[in-house]
Amino acid sequence: YVFCCSYSHNVAPKGKFIAFVSTEAETDHPESELKPGIDLLGPVDEIFFDIYDRYEPVNEPSLDNCFISTSYDATTHFESTVSDVLNMYTMITGKVLDLSVDLSAASAAEE
């Protein structure tokens, strides 16, 4: 996953960018696994590598009523985390969370 933000996001000086390149490490050399994504960035002023373990719950929520989310993964916009939280909501409440919005009703009424 490659994510990039800049001055237009109010996070970097003009002409500079902040980029995140992430993946699920499959070897003991994660820096080399990230190289294809890093190469896409061109010249880099500074680079930081960090490695995090991922955890998944091993309990059975239906037996102990304990609902535990998984750790964050390599996705940069929390796609899998959102899915995990929505699944937990359904397990806890027995309902699917409806996040649809009627934009016409949410907009200011024209007079």
Protein backbone atom coordinates (compact mmCIF):
# COMPACT_ATOMS: atom_id res chain seq x y z
CA TYR A 1 0.00 0.00 0.00
CA VAL A 2 1.25 3.48 -0.87
CA PHE A 3 -0.28 6.61 0.65
CA CYS A 4 0.92 10.14 0.00
CA CYS A 5 -0.09 13.49 1.48
CA SER A 6 1.30 17.01 1.08
CA TYR A 7 1.00 20.72 1.72
CA SER A 8 -2.58 20.62 0.43
CA HIS A 9 -3.41 18.38 3.41
CA ASN A 10 -1.64 20.79 5.82
CA VAL A 11 0.95 18.17 6.82
CA ALA A 12 4.10 19.14 4.89
CA PRO A 13 5.85 22.28 3.60
CA LYS A 14 5.17 23.35 0.01
CA GLY A 15 7.04 21.14 -2.42
CA LYS A 16 7.38 18.28 0.09
CA PHE A 17 5.34 15.13 0.54
CA ILE A 18 4.88 12.55 3.25
CA ALA A 19 4.46 9.01 1.97
CA PHE A 20 3.68 5.73 3.67
CA VAL A 21 4.60 2.46 2.04
CA SER A 22 3.28 -0.54 3.94
CA THR A 23 2.84 -4.26 3.52
CA GLU A 24 2.35 -7.47 5.45
CA ALA A 25 5.89 -8.78 5.90
CA GLU A 26 6.35 -12.27 4.52
CA THR A 27 10.10 -12.61 5.06
CA ASP A 28 12.73 -11.65 7.62
CA HIS A 29 13.72 -8.72 5.36
CA PRO A 30 10.72 -6.35 5.31
CA GLU A 31 12.79 -3.43 3.97
CA SER A 32 13.45 -5.38 0.76
CA GLU A 33 9.74 -6.23 0.50
CA LEU A 34 8.93 -2.49 0.60
CA LYS A 35 11.55 -1.58 -2.02
CA PRO A 36 9.20 -1.71 -5.08
CA GLY A 37 6.85 0.77 -3.40
CA ILE A 38 9.67 2.99 -2.15
CA ASP A 39 11.19 3.06 -5.65
CA LEU A 40 7.95 4.62 -6.92
CA LEU A 41 8.55 7.66 -4.70
CA GLY A 42 11.70 8.94 -6.41
CA PRO A 43 14.25 10.87 -4.33
CA VAL A 44 13.58 10.63 -0.58
CA ASP A 45 14.90 13.08 2.06
CA GLU A 46 14.42 10.75 5.03
CA ILE A 47 13.11 7.25 5.49
CA PHE A 48 11.91 5.46 8.60
CA PHE A 49 11.19 1.75 8.93
CA ASP A 50 9.01 0.34 11.67
CA ILE A 51 7.68 -3.15 12.18
CA TYR A 52 4.60 -4.06 14.21
CA ASP A 53 3.26 -7.44 15.22
CA ARG A 54 -0.35 -8.18 14.36
CA TYR A 55 -2.66 -9.79 16.86
CA GLU A 56 -5.98 -11.53 16.39
CA PRO A 57 -8.39 -12.57 19.13
CA VAL A 58 -8.43 -16.27 19.99
CA ASN A 59 -11.46 -16.25 22.27
CA GLU A 60 -15.03 -17.18 21.34
CA PRO A 61 -17.21 -14.07 21.89
CA SER A 62 -20.43 -16.11 22.00
CA LEU A 63 -19.06 -17.99 25.02
CA ASP A 64 -17.34 -15.22 27.01
CA ASN A 65 -19.08 -12.05 25.76
CA CYS A 66 -15.67 -10.47 25.20
CA PHE A 67 -15.33 -8.73 21.82
CA ILE A 68 -11.77 -7.99 20.78
CA SER A 69 -10.68 -6.36 17.54
CA THR A 70 -7.66 -7.40 15.52
CA SER A 71 -4.56 -5.23 15.30
CA TYR A 72 -4.14 -2.68 12.52
CA ASP A 73 -2.77 -4.12 9.31
CA ALA A 74 -0.93 -2.68 6.31
CA THR A 75 -3.96 -0.96 4.75
CA THR A 76 -3.48 2.79 4.85
CA HIS A 77 -7.10 3.90 5.07
CA PHE A 78 -8.17 1.40 7.75
CA GLU A 79 -10.38 -0.59 5.34
CA SER A 80 -9.91 -3.86 7.21
CA THR A 81 -10.23 -2.16 10.61
CA VAL A 82 -13.57 -0.61 9.64
CA SER A 83 -14.76 -4.01 8.43
CA ASP A 84 -13.63 -5.58 11.71
CA VAL A 85 -15.48 -2.95 13.78
CA LEU A 86 -18.66 -3.33 11.70
CA ASN A 87 -18.51 -7.12 12.18
CA MET A 88 -18.08 -6.64 15.93
CA TYR A 89 -21.09 -4.29 15.97
CA THR A 90 -23.20 -6.98 14.30
CA MET A 91 -21.98 -9.67 16.71
CA ILE A 92 -22.73 -7.46 19.73
CA THR A 93 -26.11 -6.05 18.67
CA GLY A 94 -27.37 -8.72 16.27
CA LYS A 95 -28.03 -5.95 13.71
CA VAL A 96 -26.18 -4.77 10.63
CA LEU A 97 -25.18 -1.12 11.00
CA ASP A 98 -26.77 0.99 8.25
CA LEU A 99 -24.38 3.80 7.34
CA SER A 100 -26.26 4.89 4.24
CA VAL A 101 -27.21 8.55 4.18
CA ASP A 102 -29.91 10.30 2.20
CA LEU A 103 -27.84 13.28 1.06
CA SER A 104 -30.88 15.23 -0.07
CA ALA A 105 -32.28 15.06 3.46
CA ALA A 106 -28.90 15.97 4.95
CA SER A 107 -28.50 19.07 2.75
CA ALA A 108 -29.86 22.46 3.69
CA ALA A 109 -33.32 22.97 2.24
CA GLU A 110 -33.58 25.47 -0.59
CA GLU A 111 -35.96 28.31 0.06
